[in-house]
Amino acid sequence: MTAASYAAVDWGTSSFRLWVISESGEILAERRSGEGMTTATKTGFSAILESHLAAVAAPPHLPVIVCGMAGARQGWVEAGYLDTPAPLGAIVKAAVTVPDTNRDIRILPGLAQRNEDAPDVIRGEETQLLGAISQLGNGSHLICMPGTHSKWVRVTGGIVDGFSTFMTGELFDVIARHSILSHAVADAGAFANDDPAFLGAVARAVKTPALATNLVFTVRSGQLLHGLSANDAKARLSGTLIGLEIAGALATAKPGSSVCLVASGALAGLYQSALSALDLTPVTIDADAAVRQGLAAAANAIWPA
C-alpha cells in the first residue's frame, strides 16, 4: 500500500463505500458494507473507518476524503450546507476537518436551496456533480441523479443555480406496498426498459402532469376494466411517477440545457429509456464513477501532489 495517495469514502444513510487511490488515480483497494450513518452513530464513525482501512492495510497516516451523511447534523462532524447559487469549486474549499484523529480526514458539505417556496437540500450528490461536470464542460446542464429521492440539478458555467428533489422511489415503494394499488402489483416481476406500458405512462404523465393522482389510479382501473397484468400495472405505476418527475424537472430547466443522467444499474436503464422516448437523449455517466471522480477532484485540490 506504499503507493496509496488517499482514501475516498462515500458514506450514505445505510451504506459505506471506500476506495484507496494511488497517485496516478488507480483504485488499489475497495470496501463496501451496510455500515451507513444509521449504524455508525451507534458503533462509531472512526471505528468503522479504521476497521476498513486496516482490512486493506492502508498506511496509518493516509488522508481520507469523505462525502455523504457522515457530514450530516446527526453524523460524524457536521459539514453544513453551501447556499445556492454556488460554484462547484466552493464545495472543496468548504470541506470540514474531523478533529482528534491521527489522520487528516475531510468531509465535504452539502448544498442548500433556501427559497421559502422551494426549500431543498443535497448531501452526497454534490460530489457526483463534481465528478460529472468534468465530463460536461461549460454551458447549461440539467443533471438527473435518480434514486429513492431523485435530484435534478441546474448547473450553468460550473455554478449550481438550483435543484429539485423528487420522492419518486419512496413514493413508488409506499404506493406499491401500502395503497389500494398493492393488489394490482402484488405478483409483478421485473419489466423491460422499453415496456410499452412503462413508456406510455411516462408520455402521459409528462403531457398531463396536472392529472397526477388520476394517472396513478388508472393502474387500478386499468386492471379492473382492461385486464392489465401485474407486470404492466407495475410498469405503468413506475412510468407515471418517473414521468411526473421529468415533467417537474423540465418545468424549472433553463432553455437549451443539455440533459445528463448520472446513474448506475437498473435505474440507469430505466431513466435512459424514459428520457430517450421523450427525445431527451442524455449524456449518461456511471454514478459510481462520478462519485469517485468527485472525491478525486476534492482530494487533489486539498492535497496536491
C-alpha atoms as a PDB file:
ATOM      1  CA  MET A   1       0.000   0.000   0.000  1.00  0.00           C
ATOM      2  CA  THR A   2       3.028   2.330  -0.159  1.00  0.00           C
ATOM      3  CA  ALA A   3       1.725   3.747  -3.453  1.00  0.00           C
ATOM      4  CA  ALA A   4      -1.526   4.886  -1.851  1.00  0.00           C
ATOM      5  CA  SER A   5      -2.236   8.618  -2.081  1.00  0.00           C
ATOM      6  CA  TYR A   6      -5.554   8.910  -0.228  1.00  0.00           C
ATOM      7  CA  ALA A   7      -8.735   7.047   0.672  1.00  0.00           C
ATOM      8  CA  ALA A   8     -12.101   8.159  -0.691  1.00  0.00           C
ATOM      9  CA  VAL A   9     -15.326   7.401   1.195  1.00  0.00           C
ATOM     10  CA  ASP A  10     -18.974   7.723   0.195  1.00  0.00           C
ATOM     11  CA  TRP A  11     -20.928   7.368   3.460  1.00  0.00           C
ATOM     12  CA  GLY A  12     -24.676   7.007   2.991  1.00  0.00           C
ATOM     13  CA  THR A  13     -27.522   6.528   5.421  1.00  0.00           C
ATOM     14  CA  SER A  14     -27.381   2.757   5.052  1.00  0.00           C
ATOM     15  CA  SER A  15     -24.225   2.131   3.036  1.00  0.00           C
ATOM     16  CA  PHE A  16     -20.461   2.597   3.255  1.00  0.00           C
ATOM     17  CA  ARG A  17     -18.071   2.601   0.284  1.00  0.00           C
ATOM     18  CA  LEU A  18     -14.316   3.118   0.456  1.00  0.00           C
ATOM     19  CA  TRP A  19     -11.642   3.218  -2.228  1.00  0.00           C
ATOM     20  CA  VAL A  20      -7.883   3.506  -1.709  1.00  0.00           C
ATOM     21  CA  ILE A  21      -6.451   5.547  -4.567  1.00  0.00           C
ATOM     22  CA  SER A  22      -2.875   5.751  -5.884  1.00  0.00           C
ATOM     23  CA  GLU A  23      -1.058   8.906  -7.006  1.00  0.00           C
ATOM     24  CA  SER A  24      -1.915   8.010 -10.607  1.00  0.00           C
ATOM     25  CA  GLY A  25      -5.629   7.629  -9.770  1.00  0.00           C
ATOM     26  CA  GLU A  26      -5.674   3.833  -9.807  1.00  0.00           C
ATOM     27  CA  ILE A  27      -8.027   2.013  -7.415  1.00  0.00           C
ATOM     28  CA  LEU A  28      -5.747  -0.048  -5.165  1.00  0.00           C
ATOM     29  CA  ALA A  29      -8.438  -1.435  -2.872  1.00  0.00           C
ATOM     30  CA  GLU A  30     -12.181  -1.234  -2.367  1.00  0.00           C
ATOM     31  CA  ARG A  31     -14.509  -1.934   0.557  1.00  0.00           C
ATOM     32  CA  ARG A  32     -18.320  -1.902   0.719  1.00  0.00           C
ATOM     33  CA  SER A  33     -20.672  -2.588   3.606  1.00  0.00           C
ATOM     34  CA  GLY A  34     -24.061  -1.759   5.101  1.00  0.00           C
ATOM     35  CA  GLU A  35     -22.435   0.298   7.871  1.00  0.00           C
ATOM     36  CA  GLY A  36     -24.058   3.576   6.937  1.00  0.00           C
ATOM     37  CA  MET A  37     -24.737   6.541   9.177  1.00  0.00           C
ATOM     38  CA  THR A  38     -27.523   4.700  10.987  1.00  0.00           C
ATOM     39  CA  THR A  39     -25.055   2.047  12.146  1.00  0.00           C
ATOM     40  CA  ALA A  40     -22.123   4.429  12.611  1.00  0.00           C
ATOM     41  CA  THR A  41     -23.972   6.655  15.072  1.00  0.00           C
ATOM     42  CA  LYS A  42     -24.102   3.627  17.382  1.00  0.00           C
ATOM     43  CA  THR A  43     -20.825   1.855  16.553  1.00  0.00           C
ATOM     44  CA  GLY A  44     -18.700   4.940  15.961  1.00  0.00           C
ATOM     45  CA  PHE A  45     -17.627   6.536  12.686  1.00  0.00           C
ATOM     46  CA  SER A  46     -13.920   6.374  13.467  1.00  0.00           C
ATOM     47  CA  ALA A  47     -14.091   2.712  14.468  1.00  0.00           C
ATOM     48  CA  ILE A  48     -15.842   1.716  11.237  1.00  0.00           C
ATOM     49  CA  LEU A  49     -13.499   3.725   9.031  1.00  0.00           C
ATOM     50  CA  GLU A  50     -10.366   2.427  10.721  1.00  0.00           C
ATOM     51  CA  SER A  51     -11.584  -1.189  10.536  1.00  0.00           C
ATOM     52  CA  HIS A  52     -11.973  -0.923   6.771  1.00  0.00           C
ATOM     53  CA  LEU A  53      -8.633   0.841   6.330  1.00  0.00           C
ATOM     54  CA  ALA A  54      -6.951  -1.846   8.438  1.00  0.00           C
ATOM     55  CA  ALA A  55      -8.578  -4.559   6.322  1.00  0.00           C
ATOM     56  CA  VAL A  56      -6.736  -3.251   3.246  1.00  0.00           C
ATOM     57  CA  ALA A  57      -3.505  -2.493   5.150  1.00  0.00           C
ATOM     58  CA  ALA A  58      -3.747   1.245   4.493  1.00  0.00           C
ATOM     59  CA  PRO A  59      -0.855   3.361   5.818  1.00  0.00           C
ATOM     60  CA  PRO A  60      -1.516   4.786   9.306  1.00  0.00           C
ATOM     61  CA  HIS A  61      -1.442   8.428   8.176  1.00  0.00           C
ATOM     62  CA  LEU A  62      -3.228   8.044   4.816  1.00  0.00           C
ATOM     63  CA  PRO A  63      -5.543  11.068   4.366  1.00  0.00           C
ATOM     64  CA  VAL A  64      -9.251  10.456   3.802  1.00  0.00           C
ATOM     65  CA  ILE A  65     -11.806  12.484   1.841  1.00  0.00           C
ATOM     66  CA  VAL A  66     -15.456  11.774   2.746  1.00  0.00           C
ATOM     67  CA  CYS A  67     -18.813  12.731   1.259  1.00  0.00           C
ATOM     68  CA  GLY A  68     -22.361  11.932   2.265  1.00  0.00           C
ATOM     69  CA  MET A  69     -24.180  11.513   5.550  1.00  0.00           C
ATOM     70  CA  ALA A  70     -21.050  11.486   7.708  1.00  0.00           C
ATOM     71  CA  GLY A  71     -21.300  15.268   7.370  1.00  0.00           C
ATOM     72  CA  ALA A  72     -24.957  15.494   8.400  1.00  0.00           C
ATOM     73  CA  ARG A  73     -26.047  17.139  11.638  1.00  0.00           C
ATOM     74  CA  GLN A  74     -26.513  13.694  13.195  1.00  0.00           C
ATOM     75  CA  GLY A  75     -23.355  12.339  11.527  1.00  0.00           C
ATOM     76  CA  TRP A  76     -19.676  12.326  12.480  1.00  0.00           C
ATOM     77  CA  VAL A  77     -18.917  16.036  12.146  1.00  0.00           C
ATOM     78  CA  GLU A  78     -21.439  18.453  10.680  1.00  0.00           C
ATOM     79  CA  ALA A  79     -20.226  19.780   7.355  1.00  0.00           C
ATOM     80  CA  GLY A  80     -23.152  22.140   6.854  1.00  0.00           C
ATOM     81  CA  TYR A  81     -24.529  23.349   3.536  1.00  0.00           C
ATOM     82  CA  LEU A  82     -23.398  25.806   0.902  1.00  0.00           C
ATOM     83  CA  ASP A  83     -26.193  28.048  -0.318  1.00  0.00           C
ATOM     84  CA  THR A  84     -27.111  28.135  -3.995  1.00  0.00           C
ATOM     85  CA  PRO A  85     -26.190  29.624  -6.328  1.00  0.00           C
ATOM     86  CA  ALA A  86     -22.805  28.060  -5.550  1.00  0.00           C
ATOM     87  CA  PRO A  87     -19.698  27.424  -7.665  1.00  0.00           C
ATOM     88  CA  LEU A  88     -18.885  23.716  -7.605  1.00  0.00           C
ATOM     89  CA  GLY A  89     -15.316  24.592  -6.652  1.00  0.00           C
ATOM     90  CA  ALA A  90     -16.592  26.120  -3.394  1.00  0.00           C
ATOM     91  CA  ILE A  91     -17.611  22.658  -2.205  1.00  0.00           C
ATOM     92  CA  VAL A  92     -13.990  21.615  -1.862  1.00  0.00           C
ATOM     93  CA  LYS A  93     -12.990  24.843  -0.115  1.00  0.00           C
ATOM     94  CA  ALA A  94     -15.713  24.315   2.476  1.00  0.00           C
ATOM     95  CA  ALA A  95     -14.569  20.811   3.452  1.00  0.00           C
ATOM     96  CA  VAL A  96     -14.568  20.305   7.231  1.00  0.00           C
ATOM     97  CA  THR A  97     -11.681  18.677   9.105  1.00  0.00           C
ATOM     98  CA  VAL A  98     -12.519  15.892  11.563  1.00  0.00           C
ATOM     99  CA  PRO A  99     -10.828  16.756  14.880  1.00  0.00           C
ATOM    100  CA  ASP A 100      -8.955  14.467  17.262  1.00  0.00           C
ATOM    101  CA  THR A 101      -7.843  11.871  14.732  1.00  0.00           C
ATOM    102  CA  ASN A 102      -4.436  10.570  13.709  1.00  0.00           C
ATOM    103  CA  ARG A 103      -5.310  11.130  10.065  1.00  0.00           C
ATOM    104  CA  ASP A 104      -6.192  14.163   8.001  1.00  0.00           C
ATOM    105  CA  ILE A 105      -9.877  13.455   7.369  1.00  0.00           C
ATOM    106  CA  ARG A 106     -12.026  15.970   5.468  1.00  0.00           C
ATOM    107  CA  ILE A 107     -15.789  15.849   4.976  1.00  0.00           C
ATOM    108  CA  LEU A 108     -17.422  17.656   2.066  1.00  0.00           C
ATOM    109  CA  PRO A 109     -20.500  19.845   2.688  1.00  0.00           C
ATOM    110  CA  GLY A 110     -23.904  19.554   1.063  1.00  0.00           C
ATOM    111  CA  LEU A 111     -25.885  22.162  -0.853  1.00  0.00           C
ATOM    112  CA  ALA A 112     -28.950  24.109   0.296  1.00  0.00           C
ATOM    113  CA  GLN A 113     -31.614  25.973  -1.653  1.00  0.00           C
ATOM    114  CA  ARG A 114     -33.158  28.385   0.827  1.00  0.00           C
ATOM    115  CA  ASN A 115     -36.014  29.682  -1.334  1.00  0.00           C
ATOM    116  CA  GLU A 116     -39.030  29.708   1.015  1.00  0.00           C
ATOM    117  CA  ASP A 117     -41.323  28.384  -1.703  1.00  0.00           C
ATOM    118  CA  ALA A 118     -38.907  25.652  -2.800  1.00  0.00           C
ATOM    119  CA  PRO A 119     -36.552  24.763   0.071  1.00  0.00           C
ATOM    120  CA  ASP A 120     -34.288  21.843  -0.782  1.00  0.00           C
ATOM    121  CA  VAL A 121     -31.091  20.104   0.285  1.00  0.00           C
ATOM    122  CA  ILE A 122     -28.468  17.814  -1.225  1.00  0.00           C
ATOM    123  CA  ARG A 123     -25.913  15.756   0.661  1.00  0.00           C
ATOM    124  CA  GLY A 124     -23.673  13.338  -1.217  1.00  0.00           C
ATOM    125  CA  GLU A 125     -24.916  14.119  -4.726  1.00  0.00           C
ATOM    126  CA  GLU A 126     -22.838  17.317  -4.786  1.00  0.00           C
ATOM    127  CA  THR A 127     -19.780  15.068  -5.079  1.00  0.00           C
ATOM    128  CA  GLN A 128     -21.300  13.253  -8.061  1.00  0.00           C
ATOM    129  CA  LEU A 129     -21.789  16.703  -9.583  1.00  0.00           C
ATOM    130  CA  LEU A 130     -18.107  17.469  -9.082  1.00  0.00           C
ATOM    131  CA  GLY A 131     -17.222  14.303 -10.953  1.00  0.00           C
ATOM    132  CA  ALA A 132     -19.822  14.659 -13.702  1.00  0.00           C
ATOM    133  CA  ILE A 133     -19.132  18.290 -14.556  1.00  0.00           C
ATOM    134  CA  SER A 134     -15.575  17.471 -15.615  1.00  0.00           C
ATOM    135  CA  GLN A 135     -17.091  15.478 -18.484  1.00  0.00           C
ATOM    136  CA  LEU A 136     -19.702  18.093 -19.396  1.00  0.00           C
ATOM    137  CA  GLY A 137     -17.747  21.336 -19.509  1.00  0.00           C
ATOM    138  CA  ASN A 138     -19.298  24.801 -19.529  1.00  0.00           C
ATOM    139  CA  GLY A 139     -22.773  25.673 -20.696  1.00  0.00           C
ATOM    140  CA  SER A 140     -26.155  24.939 -19.129  1.00  0.00           C
ATOM    141  CA  HIS A 141     -26.853  21.421 -17.909  1.00  0.00           C
ATOM    142  CA  LEU A 142     -29.819  19.699 -16.300  1.00  0.00           C
ATOM    143  CA  ILE A 143     -28.344  16.801 -14.337  1.00  0.00           C
ATOM    144  CA  CYS A 144     -30.537  13.929 -13.166  1.00  0.00           C
ATOM    145  CA  MET A 145     -29.418  11.685 -10.307  1.00  0.00           C
ATOM    146  CA  PRO A 146     -32.217   9.154  -9.768  1.00  0.00           C
ATOM    147  CA  GLY A 147     -32.793   7.211  -6.588  1.00  0.00           C
ATOM    148  CA  THR A 148     -35.124   6.920  -3.624  1.00  0.00           C
ATOM    149  CA  HIS A 149     -35.092  10.716  -3.635  1.00  0.00           C
ATOM    150  CA  SER A 150     -34.106  11.778  -7.153  1.00  0.00           C
ATOM    151  CA  LYS A 151     -32.166  15.008  -7.606  1.00  0.00           C
ATOM    152  CA  TRP A 152     -32.333  17.227 -10.684  1.00  0.00           C
ATOM    153  CA  VAL A 153     -29.662  19.928 -10.596  1.00  0.00           C
ATOM    154  CA  ARG A 154     -29.372  23.018 -12.778  1.00  0.00           C
ATOM    155  CA  VAL A 155     -25.744  23.946 -13.491  1.00  0.00           C
ATOM    156  CA  THR A 156     -24.541  26.863 -15.621  1.00  0.00           C
ATOM    157  CA  GLY A 157     -20.861  27.517 -16.223  1.00  0.00           C
ATOM    158  CA  GLY A 158     -19.820  25.437 -13.216  1.00  0.00           C
ATOM    159  CA  ILE A 159     -22.288  27.182 -10.889  1.00  0.00           C
ATOM    160  CA  VAL A 160     -25.183  25.311  -9.283  1.00  0.00           C
ATOM    161  CA  ASP A 161     -28.156  27.615  -9.926  1.00  0.00           C
ATOM    162  CA  GLY A 162     -30.652  25.417  -8.089  1.00  0.00           C
ATOM    163  CA  PHE A 163     -32.075  21.931  -7.837  1.00  0.00           C
ATOM    164  CA  SER A 164     -35.208  19.914  -7.112  1.00  0.00           C
ATOM    165  CA  THR A 165     -35.709  16.698  -5.147  1.00  0.00           C
ATOM    166  CA  PHE A 166     -38.401  14.237  -6.216  1.00  0.00           C
ATOM    167  CA  MET A 167     -39.514  11.457  -3.845  1.00  0.00           C
ATOM    168  CA  THR A 168     -40.149   9.113  -6.763  1.00  0.00           C
ATOM    169  CA  GLY A 169     -38.523   5.956  -5.428  1.00  0.00           C
ATOM    170  CA  GLU A 170     -40.029   6.309  -1.971  1.00  0.00           C
ATOM    171  CA  LEU A 171     -43.497   7.091  -3.354  1.00  0.00           C
ATOM    172  CA  PHE A 172     -43.333   4.030  -5.608  1.00  0.00           C
ATOM    173  CA  ASP A 173     -42.497   1.853  -2.620  1.00  0.00           C
ATOM    174  CA  VAL A 174     -45.228   3.339  -0.418  1.00  0.00           C
ATOM    175  CA  ILE A 175     -47.911   3.136  -3.121  1.00  0.00           C
ATOM    176  CA  ALA A 176     -46.926  -0.372  -4.211  1.00  0.00           C
ATOM    177  CA  ARG A 177     -46.867  -1.698  -0.643  1.00  0.00           C
ATOM    178  CA  HIS A 178     -49.420   0.302   1.312  1.00  0.00           C
ATOM    179  CA  SER A 179     -52.130   1.618  -1.013  1.00  0.00           C
ATOM    180  CA  ILE A 180     -55.048   0.047  -2.865  1.00  0.00           C
ATOM    181  CA  LEU A 181     -52.650  -0.409  -5.790  1.00  0.00           C
ATOM    182  CA  SER A 182     -50.738  -3.025  -3.794  1.00  0.00           C
ATOM    183  CA  HIS A 183     -53.231  -5.611  -5.078  1.00  0.00           C
ATOM    184  CA  ALA A 184     -52.581  -4.596  -8.687  1.00  0.00           C
ATOM    185  CA  VAL A 185     -48.816  -5.061  -8.495  1.00  0.00           C
ATOM    186  CA  ALA A 186     -48.616  -7.820  -5.864  1.00  0.00           C
ATOM    187  CA  ASP A 187     -47.395 -10.578  -8.193  1.00  0.00           C
ATOM    188  CA  ALA A 188     -45.381  -8.396 -10.559  1.00  0.00           C
ATOM    189  CA  GLY A 189     -41.852  -9.218 -11.583  1.00  0.00           C
ATOM    190  CA  ALA A 190     -39.304  -7.142 -13.468  1.00  0.00           C
ATOM    191  CA  PHE A 191     -40.313  -5.327 -16.640  1.00  0.00           C
ATOM    192  CA  ALA A 192     -38.215  -4.276 -19.624  1.00  0.00           C
ATOM    193  CA  ASN A 193     -36.957  -0.709 -20.004  1.00  0.00           C
ATOM    194  CA  ASP A 194     -38.825  -0.439 -23.309  1.00  0.00           C
ATOM    195  CA  ASP A 195     -42.074  -1.931 -21.982  1.00  0.00           C
ATOM    196  CA  PRO A 196     -44.933  -0.119 -23.803  1.00  0.00           C
ATOM    197  CA  ALA A 197     -46.888   0.186 -20.534  1.00  0.00           C
ATOM    198  CA  PHE A 198     -43.930   1.975 -18.947  1.00  0.00           C
ATOM    199  CA  LEU A 199     -43.155   4.291 -21.866  1.00  0.00           C
ATOM    200  CA  GLY A 200     -46.833   5.086 -22.449  1.00  0.00           C
ATOM    201  CA  ALA A 201     -47.236   6.066 -18.803  1.00  0.00           C
ATOM    202  CA  VAL A 202     -44.139   8.283 -18.982  1.00  0.00           C
ATOM    203  CA  ALA A 203     -45.520  10.103 -22.025  1.00  0.00           C
ATOM    204  CA  ARG A 204     -48.972  10.636 -20.475  1.00  0.00           C
ATOM    205  CA  ALA A 205     -47.522  11.946 -17.227  1.00  0.00           C
ATOM    206  CA  VAL A 206     -45.234  14.401 -18.990  1.00  0.00           C
ATOM    207  CA  LYS A 207     -48.106  15.586 -21.197  1.00  0.00           C
ATOM    208  CA  THR A 208     -50.690  15.986 -18.391  1.00  0.00           C
ATOM    209  CA  PRO A 209     -48.902  16.255 -15.022  1.00  0.00           C
ATOM    210  CA  ALA A 210     -51.923  18.052 -13.532  1.00  0.00           C
ATOM    211  CA  LEU A 211     -53.737  14.692 -13.687  1.00  0.00           C
ATOM    212  CA  ALA A 212     -51.108  13.080 -11.449  1.00  0.00           C
ATOM    213  CA  THR A 213     -53.338  11.283  -8.943  1.00  0.00           C
ATOM    214  CA  ASN A 214     -55.800  10.295 -11.658  1.00  0.00           C
ATOM    215  CA  LEU A 215     -52.987   8.752 -13.701  1.00  0.00           C
ATOM    216  CA  VAL A 216     -51.849   6.799 -10.669  1.00  0.00           C
ATOM    217  CA  PHE A 217     -55.381   5.442 -10.139  1.00  0.00           C
ATOM    218  CA  THR A 218     -55.509   4.116 -13.717  1.00  0.00           C
ATOM    219  CA  VAL A 219     -53.141   1.391 -12.543  1.00  0.00           C
ATOM    220  CA  ARG A 220     -56.104   0.030 -10.564  1.00  0.00           C
ATOM    221  CA  SER A 221     -58.891   0.819 -13.020  1.00  0.00           C
ATOM    222  CA  GLY A 222     -56.863  -0.428 -15.982  1.00  0.00           C
ATOM    223  CA  GLN A 223     -56.554  -3.786 -14.303  1.00  0.00           C
ATOM    224  CA  LEU A 224     -60.251  -3.957 -13.422  1.00  0.00           C
ATOM    225  CA  LEU A 225     -61.577  -2.866 -16.810  1.00  0.00           C
ATOM    226  CA  HIS A 226     -58.911  -3.891 -19.319  1.00  0.00           C
ATOM    227  CA  GLY A 227     -57.172  -6.847 -17.699  1.00  0.00           C
ATOM    228  CA  LEU A 228     -53.891  -5.022 -17.118  1.00  0.00           C
ATOM    229  CA  SER A 229     -51.367  -7.626 -15.978  1.00  0.00           C
ATOM    230  CA  ALA A 230     -49.485  -7.249 -12.704  1.00  0.00           C
ATOM    231  CA  ASN A 231     -46.259  -6.585 -14.635  1.00  0.00           C
ATOM    232  CA  ASP A 232     -47.899  -3.936 -16.788  1.00  0.00           C
ATOM    233  CA  ALA A 233     -49.525  -2.407 -13.718  1.00  0.00           C
ATOM    234  CA  LYS A 234     -46.098  -2.111 -12.092  1.00  0.00           C
ATOM    235  CA  ALA A 235     -44.640  -0.676 -15.305  1.00  0.00           C
ATOM    236  CA  ARG A 236     -47.488   1.868 -15.537  1.00  0.00           C
ATOM    237  CA  LEU A 237     -47.033   2.967 -11.925  1.00  0.00           C
ATOM    238  CA  SER A 238     -43.272   3.343 -12.384  1.00  0.00           C
ATOM    239  CA  GLY A 239     -43.683   5.194 -15.676  1.00  0.00           C
ATOM    240  CA  THR A 240     -46.280   7.547 -14.230  1.00  0.00           C
ATOM    241  CA  LEU A 241     -44.109   8.546 -11.274  1.00  0.00           C
ATOM    242  CA  ILE A 242     -40.946   8.912 -13.366  1.00  0.00           C
ATOM    243  CA  GLY A 243     -42.878  10.876 -15.989  1.00  0.00           C
ATOM    244  CA  LEU A 244     -44.179  13.256 -13.319  1.00  0.00           C
ATOM    245  CA  GLU A 245     -40.630  13.682 -12.051  1.00  0.00           C
ATOM    246  CA  ILE A 246     -39.331  14.517 -15.531  1.00  0.00           C
ATOM    247  CA  ALA A 247     -42.196  16.965 -16.134  1.00  0.00           C
ATOM    248  CA  GLY A 248     -41.384  18.768 -12.899  1.00  0.00           C
ATOM    249  CA  ALA A 249     -37.677  18.923 -13.675  1.00  0.00           C
ATOM    250  CA  LEU A 250     -38.245  20.280 -17.176  1.00  0.00           C
ATOM    251  CA  ALA A 251     -40.555  22.976 -15.821  1.00  0.00           C
ATOM    252  CA  THR A 252     -37.636  24.604 -13.993  1.00  0.00           C
ATOM    253  CA  ALA A 253     -34.886  23.951 -16.554  1.00  0.00           C
ATOM    254  CA  LYS A 254     -33.099  26.738 -18.382  1.00  0.00           C
ATOM    255  CA  PRO A 255     -33.978  26.685 -22.111  1.00  0.00           C
ATOM    256  CA  GLY A 256     -31.287  24.987 -24.176  1.00  0.00           C
ATOM    257  CA  SER A 257     -29.865  22.987 -21.281  1.00  0.00           C
ATOM    258  CA  SER A 258     -28.310  19.646 -22.114  1.00  0.00           C
ATOM    259  CA  VAL A 259     -29.578  16.680 -20.116  1.00  0.00           C
ATOM    260  CA  CYS A 260     -27.155  14.466 -18.192  1.00  0.00           C
ATOM    261  CA  LEU A 261     -28.051  11.255 -16.388  1.00  0.00           C
ATOM    262  CA  VAL A 262     -25.818  10.178 -13.503  1.00  0.00           C
ATOM    263  CA  ALA A 263     -26.938   6.678 -12.589  1.00  0.00           C
ATOM    264  CA  SER A 264     -25.953   3.025 -12.268  1.00  0.00           C
ATOM    265  CA  GLY A 265     -27.634  -0.355 -12.586  1.00  0.00           C
ATOM    266  CA  ALA A 266     -31.331  -0.826 -13.300  1.00  0.00           C
ATOM    267  CA  LEU A 267     -32.197   2.827 -12.664  1.00  0.00           C
ATOM    268  CA  ALA A 268     -29.762   3.937 -15.345  1.00  0.00           C
ATOM    269  CA  GLY A 269     -31.519   1.813 -17.963  1.00  0.00           C
ATOM    270  CA  LEU A 270     -34.989   2.854 -16.845  1.00  0.00           C
ATOM    271  CA  TYR A 271     -34.297   6.591 -16.895  1.00  0.00           C
ATOM    272  CA  GLN A 272     -32.275   6.342 -20.110  1.00  0.00           C
ATOM    273  CA  SER A 273     -35.263   4.696 -21.789  1.00  0.00           C
ATOM    274  CA  ALA A 274     -37.766   7.215 -20.388  1.00  0.00           C
ATOM    275  CA  LEU A 275     -35.704  10.239 -21.416  1.00  0.00           C
ATOM    276  CA  SER A 276     -34.893   8.862 -24.866  1.00  0.00           C
ATOM    277  CA  ALA A 277     -38.578   8.189 -25.533  1.00  0.00           C
ATOM    278  CA  LEU A 278     -39.171  11.906 -24.907  1.00  0.00           C
ATOM    279  CA  ASP A 279     -36.401  12.880 -27.364  1.00  0.00           C
ATOM    280  CA  LEU A 280     -34.219  13.934 -24.435  1.00  0.00           C
ATOM    281  CA  THR A 281     -31.316  11.568 -25.138  1.00  0.00           C
ATOM    282  CA  PRO A 282     -28.961  12.286 -22.236  1.00  0.00           C
ATOM    283  CA  VAL A 283     -25.247  12.071 -21.712  1.00  0.00           C
ATOM    284  CA  THR A 284     -25.038   9.129 -19.293  1.00  0.00           C
ATOM    285  CA  ILE A 285     -22.356   8.924 -16.605  1.00  0.00           C
ATOM    286  CA  ASP A 286     -21.956   5.996 -14.222  1.00  0.00           C
ATOM    287  CA  ALA A 287     -22.863   7.101 -10.689  1.00  0.00           C
ATOM    288  CA  ASP A 288     -20.048   5.135  -9.012  1.00  0.00           C
ATOM    289  CA  ALA A 289     -17.507   6.620 -11.396  1.00  0.00           C
ATOM    290  CA  ALA A 290     -18.908  10.118 -10.848  1.00  0.00           C
ATOM    291  CA  VAL A 291     -18.623   9.978  -7.066  1.00  0.00           C
ATOM    292  CA  ARG A 292     -15.056   8.631  -7.279  1.00  0.00           C
ATOM    293  CA  GLN A 293     -14.118  11.376  -9.745  1.00  0.00           C
ATOM    294  CA  GLY A 294     -15.691  13.992  -7.494  1.00  0.00           C
ATOM    295  CA  LEU A 295     -13.823  12.706  -4.455  1.00  0.00           C
ATOM    296  CA  ALA A 296     -10.636  12.629  -6.535  1.00  0.00           C
ATOM    297  CA  ALA A 297     -11.124  16.257  -7.596  1.00  0.00           C
ATOM    298  CA  ALA A 298     -11.553  17.243  -3.961  1.00  0.00           C
ATOM    299  CA  ALA A 299      -8.569  15.205  -2.758  1.00  0.00           C
ATOM    300  CA  ASN A 300      -6.281  16.560  -5.464  1.00  0.00           C
ATOM    301  CA  ALA A 301      -7.291  20.129  -4.594  1.00  0.00           C
ATOM    302  CA  ILE A 302      -6.817  19.646  -0.835  1.00  0.00           C
ATOM    303  CA  TRP A 303      -3.627  17.540  -1.038  1.00  0.00           C
ATOM    304  CA  PRO A 304      -1.911  18.489  -4.318  1.00  0.00           C
ATOM    305  CA  ALA A 305       0.946  16.211  -5.344  1.00  0.00           C
END
